[in-house]
Structure formats: structure tokens, C-alpha cells
Amino acid sequence: MVKLIALGILSGAFFSATFILNELMHVEGGHWVWSASLRYIFTIAFLAGIVLFSGGVKQLRGVVKLFASHWVFWTMAGSIGFGGFYGLLCFSADFAPGWVVAATWQFTIVASLFVFMLFGRKFPRRIWFFSLLIFTGVLLVNLSRVDVFDVGPQLSGCLPVLAAVVRLLRECLRVHGEAAP
């Protein structure tokens, strides 16, 4: 359990740090499309490293062979999934500070509970209590910027993140529906 929590904290730190990098790229005049593209490339590199580390060269060759045999499907599915998902996140970083985007993204934790409920999963009250804390935190982070509130940039920074959440959850539902007997 401690290992899982540590891994979650580490992955959250890396993921949140990328929003800060998005903001830095924006401040320096970089376009959000470059940031989304770099996320896509780095994700491929990290996943290849994980497969190589956990299964060795033979496992990595198997994944590459599988990709090569269905490259059109994997390229299109990956572009839609990562392009829509990361594109919306990187776009929002052009309108809100990275720490606001990273905090708003935590809403995926709460949203995933609702998806699991659609599949018949029930959760104890303490889970809902912590989810309410997360939601309250996301709300407070977004409201903390009320002194510089301009509805256009605020919505441009928040709505794409929420759209990415919905996009991710819709994809999970679609995949689960196809996998169901």
C-alpha cells in the first residue's frame, strides 16, 4: 500500500510539473500544440521504457510488432485519445496558470467515481467525503483567482480541462462497453 501511495505521489508530481512547463512554454511564446505534441512523444518514450524495464527486449519487440500489424488503428486511436486529451489540457494552460490547471485536473478523481458507479460499483461514505474535499479544493483554487477574474480566460482555462475529463471518461465507457460480453 505504501508503495502504491508513493508511486501515486511521484506520478502526480511529474504530471503536475508538466503543467508548469506548459505555462513556461506559453510565456516564452510557444504554442500549445507543441506542448501537446511533446507530451505525446514523451508518453510513448515512457511507456516504451516501462515495457522494456518490466518485460525486457522481447516484450518490447512484441509491442512494436503488434503496433506494426495494426498501425493505422493505433495511430488514429492514439491521436484521438491523446490529441483530444492532451490538446485540451495544453490549450487550457495558455489561459490559466499551470498550478490552476493541475489542481482542476484533480477533478478526474471525483469524476471516475461516477463512472465506476455506472458499472455498479459502490463506495463507502469516507470515499465520498474525500471526494468532496477534492472538489472543494478544485473549487477554491479556481475561486482564488477571482481578483483577476475575467470570464473569458477563466472559462478558457477551466472548461478544456473539464472537457478532457469528460473525453477520458467517455472513452473509458466506450472501451468497457466493447469489452463487455
Protein backbone atom coordinates (compact mmCIF):
# COMPACT_ATOMS: atom_id res chain seq x y z
CA MET A 1 0.00 0.00 0.00
CA VAL A 2 2.83 2.40 0.86
CA LYS A 3 4.47 1.61 -2.49
CA LEU A 4 1.22 2.44 -4.33
CA ILE A 5 0.80 5.72 -2.47
CA ALA A 6 4.42 6.67 -3.14
CA LEU A 7 4.00 5.80 -6.82
CA GLY A 8 0.81 7.89 -6.96
CA ILE A 9 2.52 10.87 -5.35
CA LEU A 10 5.50 10.56 -7.69
CA SER A 11 3.33 10.29 -10.81
CA GLY A 12 1.18 13.19 -9.60
CA ALA A 13 4.30 15.30 -9.11
CA PHE A 14 5.52 14.56 -12.64
CA PHE A 15 2.09 15.15 -14.15
CA SER A 16 1.60 18.41 -12.26
CA ALA A 17 5.10 19.59 -13.19
CA THR A 18 4.16 19.29 -16.86
CA PHE A 19 1.51 21.96 -16.39
CA ILE A 20 4.18 24.31 -15.08
CA LEU A 21 6.27 23.51 -18.17
CA ASN A 22 3.20 24.24 -20.35
CA GLU A 23 2.91 27.65 -18.73
CA LEU A 24 6.62 28.35 -19.23
CA MET A 25 6.32 27.41 -22.89
CA HIS A 26 3.36 29.75 -23.23
CA VAL A 27 5.16 32.64 -21.53
CA GLU A 28 8.11 32.16 -23.90
CA GLY A 29 5.76 32.34 -26.88
CA GLY A 30 5.43 28.61 -27.57
CA HIS A 31 2.18 27.33 -28.99
CA TRP A 32 0.06 24.83 -27.02
CA VAL A 33 0.20 22.39 -29.95
CA TRP A 34 3.94 21.93 -29.38
CA SER A 35 3.37 21.17 -25.73
CA ALA A 36 0.67 18.60 -26.56
CA SER A 37 2.94 17.01 -29.17
CA LEU A 38 5.83 16.80 -26.72
CA ARG A 39 3.55 15.16 -24.14
CA TYR A 40 2.52 12.60 -26.74
CA ILE A 41 6.14 11.82 -27.67
CA PHE A 42 7.28 11.65 -24.04
CA THR A 43 4.37 9.34 -23.21
CA ILE A 44 5.48 6.96 -25.94
CA ALA A 45 9.05 7.07 -24.63
CA PHE A 46 7.98 6.49 -21.01
CA LEU A 47 5.67 3.62 -21.95
CA ALA A 48 8.42 2.02 -24.05
CA GLY A 49 10.75 2.34 -21.05
CA ILE A 50 8.20 0.75 -18.73
CA VAL A 51 7.61 -2.16 -21.13
CA LEU A 52 11.37 -2.61 -21.57
CA PHE A 53 12.00 -2.47 -17.82
CA SER A 54 9.18 -4.83 -16.88
CA GLY A 55 9.31 -7.32 -19.75
CA GLY A 56 12.65 -6.87 -21.44
CA VAL A 57 13.56 -6.53 -25.08
CA LYS A 58 11.36 -9.48 -26.10
CA GLN A 59 8.28 -7.81 -24.60
CA LEU A 60 9.12 -4.50 -26.31
CA ARG A 61 9.56 -6.29 -29.66
CA GLY A 62 6.13 -7.88 -29.18
CA VAL A 63 4.53 -4.48 -28.56
CA VAL A 64 6.25 -2.99 -31.61
CA LYS A 65 5.15 -5.97 -33.72
CA LEU A 66 1.56 -5.55 -32.51
CA PHE A 67 1.69 -1.85 -33.31
CA ALA A 68 3.14 -2.51 -36.77
CA SER A 69 0.43 -5.03 -37.61
CA HIS A 70 -2.36 -2.54 -36.77
CA TRP A 71 -0.55 0.78 -37.15
CA VAL A 72 -3.48 2.69 -38.71
CA PHE A 73 -5.81 1.81 -35.82
CA TRP A 74 -3.24 2.56 -33.11
CA THR A 75 -2.15 5.82 -34.72
CA MET A 76 -5.73 7.04 -35.14
CA ALA A 77 -6.85 5.89 -31.68
CA GLY A 78 -3.78 7.38 -30.04
CA SER A 79 -4.13 10.65 -31.91
CA ILE A 80 -7.78 10.98 -30.96
CA GLY A 81 -7.22 9.95 -27.35
CA PHE A 82 -4.00 11.75 -26.64
CA GLY A 83 -4.62 14.54 -29.12
CA GLY A 84 -8.02 15.37 -27.69
CA PHE A 85 -6.96 14.72 -24.13
CA TYR A 86 -3.57 16.44 -24.07
CA GLY A 87 -4.61 19.06 -26.58
CA LEU A 88 -7.36 20.33 -24.29
CA LEU A 89 -5.05 20.32 -21.28
CA CYS A 90 -2.29 22.20 -23.08
CA PHE A 91 -4.78 24.65 -24.57
CA SER A 92 -6.11 25.46 -21.10
CA ALA A 93 -2.56 26.14 -19.87
CA ASP A 94 -2.48 29.13 -22.24
CA PHE A 95 -5.29 30.75 -20.27
CA ALA A 96 -4.71 29.75 -16.66
CA PRO A 97 -1.60 29.30 -14.52
CA GLY A 98 -0.18 25.79 -14.54
CA TRP A 99 -0.97 25.24 -10.88
CA VAL A 100 -4.66 26.05 -11.53
CA VAL A 101 -4.82 23.61 -14.44
CA ALA A 102 -3.07 20.91 -12.36
CA ALA A 103 -5.47 21.47 -9.45
CA THR A 104 -8.52 21.46 -11.72
CA TRP A 105 -7.33 18.20 -13.28
CA GLN A 106 -7.71 16.54 -9.87
CA PHE A 107 -11.44 16.58 -10.58
CA THR A 108 -10.81 13.41 -12.62
CA ILE A 109 -10.59 11.55 -9.31
CA VAL A 110 -14.13 12.59 -8.44
CA ALA A 111 -15.44 12.01 -11.96
CA SER A 112 -14.00 8.50 -12.09
CA LEU A 113 -16.13 7.54 -9.08
CA PHE A 114 -19.25 8.35 -11.06
CA VAL A 115 -18.03 6.19 -13.96
CA PHE A 116 -17.42 3.29 -11.58
CA MET A 117 -20.92 3.80 -10.19
CA LEU A 118 -22.29 3.36 -13.71
CA PHE A 119 -20.68 -0.09 -13.66
CA GLY A 120 -22.38 -0.96 -10.40
CA ARG A 121 -19.54 -0.16 -8.00
CA LYS A 122 -20.48 1.21 -4.59
CA PHE A 123 -18.21 3.29 -2.37
CA PRO A 124 -18.13 3.85 1.38
CA ARG A 125 -19.01 7.26 2.78
CA ARG A 126 -15.41 8.07 3.59
CA ILE A 127 -14.57 7.92 -0.14
CA TRP A 128 -17.31 10.44 -0.86
CA PHE A 129 -16.06 12.61 2.00
CA PHE A 130 -12.57 12.72 0.48
CA SER A 131 -14.06 13.32 -2.97
CA LEU A 132 -15.96 16.27 -1.56
CA LEU A 133 -12.67 17.59 -0.17
CA ILE A 134 -11.05 17.26 -3.59
CA PHE A 135 -13.99 19.00 -5.27
CA THR A 136 -13.88 21.77 -2.66
CA GLY A 137 -10.15 22.18 -3.25
CA VAL A 138 -10.63 22.44 -7.02
CA LEU A 139 -13.39 24.98 -6.49
CA LEU A 140 -11.31 27.04 -4.05
CA VAL A 141 -8.29 27.05 -6.35
CA ASN A 142 -10.41 28.36 -9.20
CA LEU A 143 -12.15 30.90 -6.97
CA SER A 144 -8.80 32.08 -5.59
CA ARG A 145 -8.26 33.83 -8.88
CA VAL A 146 -11.46 35.86 -8.50
CA ASP A 147 -9.42 39.07 -8.06
CA VAL A 148 -8.10 38.68 -11.62
CA PHE A 149 -11.35 37.17 -12.82
CA ASP A 150 -12.12 37.68 -16.44
CA VAL A 151 -14.80 35.26 -17.57
CA GLY A 152 -13.23 34.55 -20.99
CA PRO A 153 -9.77 33.43 -19.86
CA GLN A 154 -11.20 31.74 -16.75
CA LEU A 155 -13.55 29.61 -18.83
CA SER A 156 -10.84 29.03 -21.45
CA GLY A 157 -8.58 27.72 -18.69
CA CYS A 158 -11.17 25.61 -16.87
CA LEU A 159 -13.58 24.27 -19.48
CA PRO A 160 -10.98 22.49 -21.65
CA VAL A 161 -9.74 20.60 -18.58
CA LEU A 162 -13.28 19.54 -17.74
CA ALA A 163 -13.85 18.63 -21.39
CA ALA A 164 -10.70 16.48 -21.25
CA VAL A 165 -12.11 14.77 -18.16
CA VAL A 166 -15.39 14.06 -19.96
CA ARG A 167 -13.47 12.88 -23.05
CA LEU A 168 -11.41 10.48 -20.96
CA LEU A 169 -14.47 9.13 -19.15
CA ARG A 170 -16.42 8.69 -22.41
CA GLU A 171 -13.51 6.73 -23.86
CA CYS A 172 -13.43 4.51 -20.75
CA LEU A 173 -17.16 3.86 -21.09
CA ARG A 174 -16.80 3.07 -24.80
CA VAL A 175 -13.91 0.67 -24.23
CA HIS A 176 -15.75 -1.01 -21.35
CA GLY A 177 -18.89 -1.37 -23.49
CA GLU A 178 -16.89 -3.04 -26.27
CA ALA A 179 -15.19 -5.37 -23.80
CA ALA A 180 -18.44 -6.41 -22.11
CA PRO A 181 -19.80 -9.82 -23.15
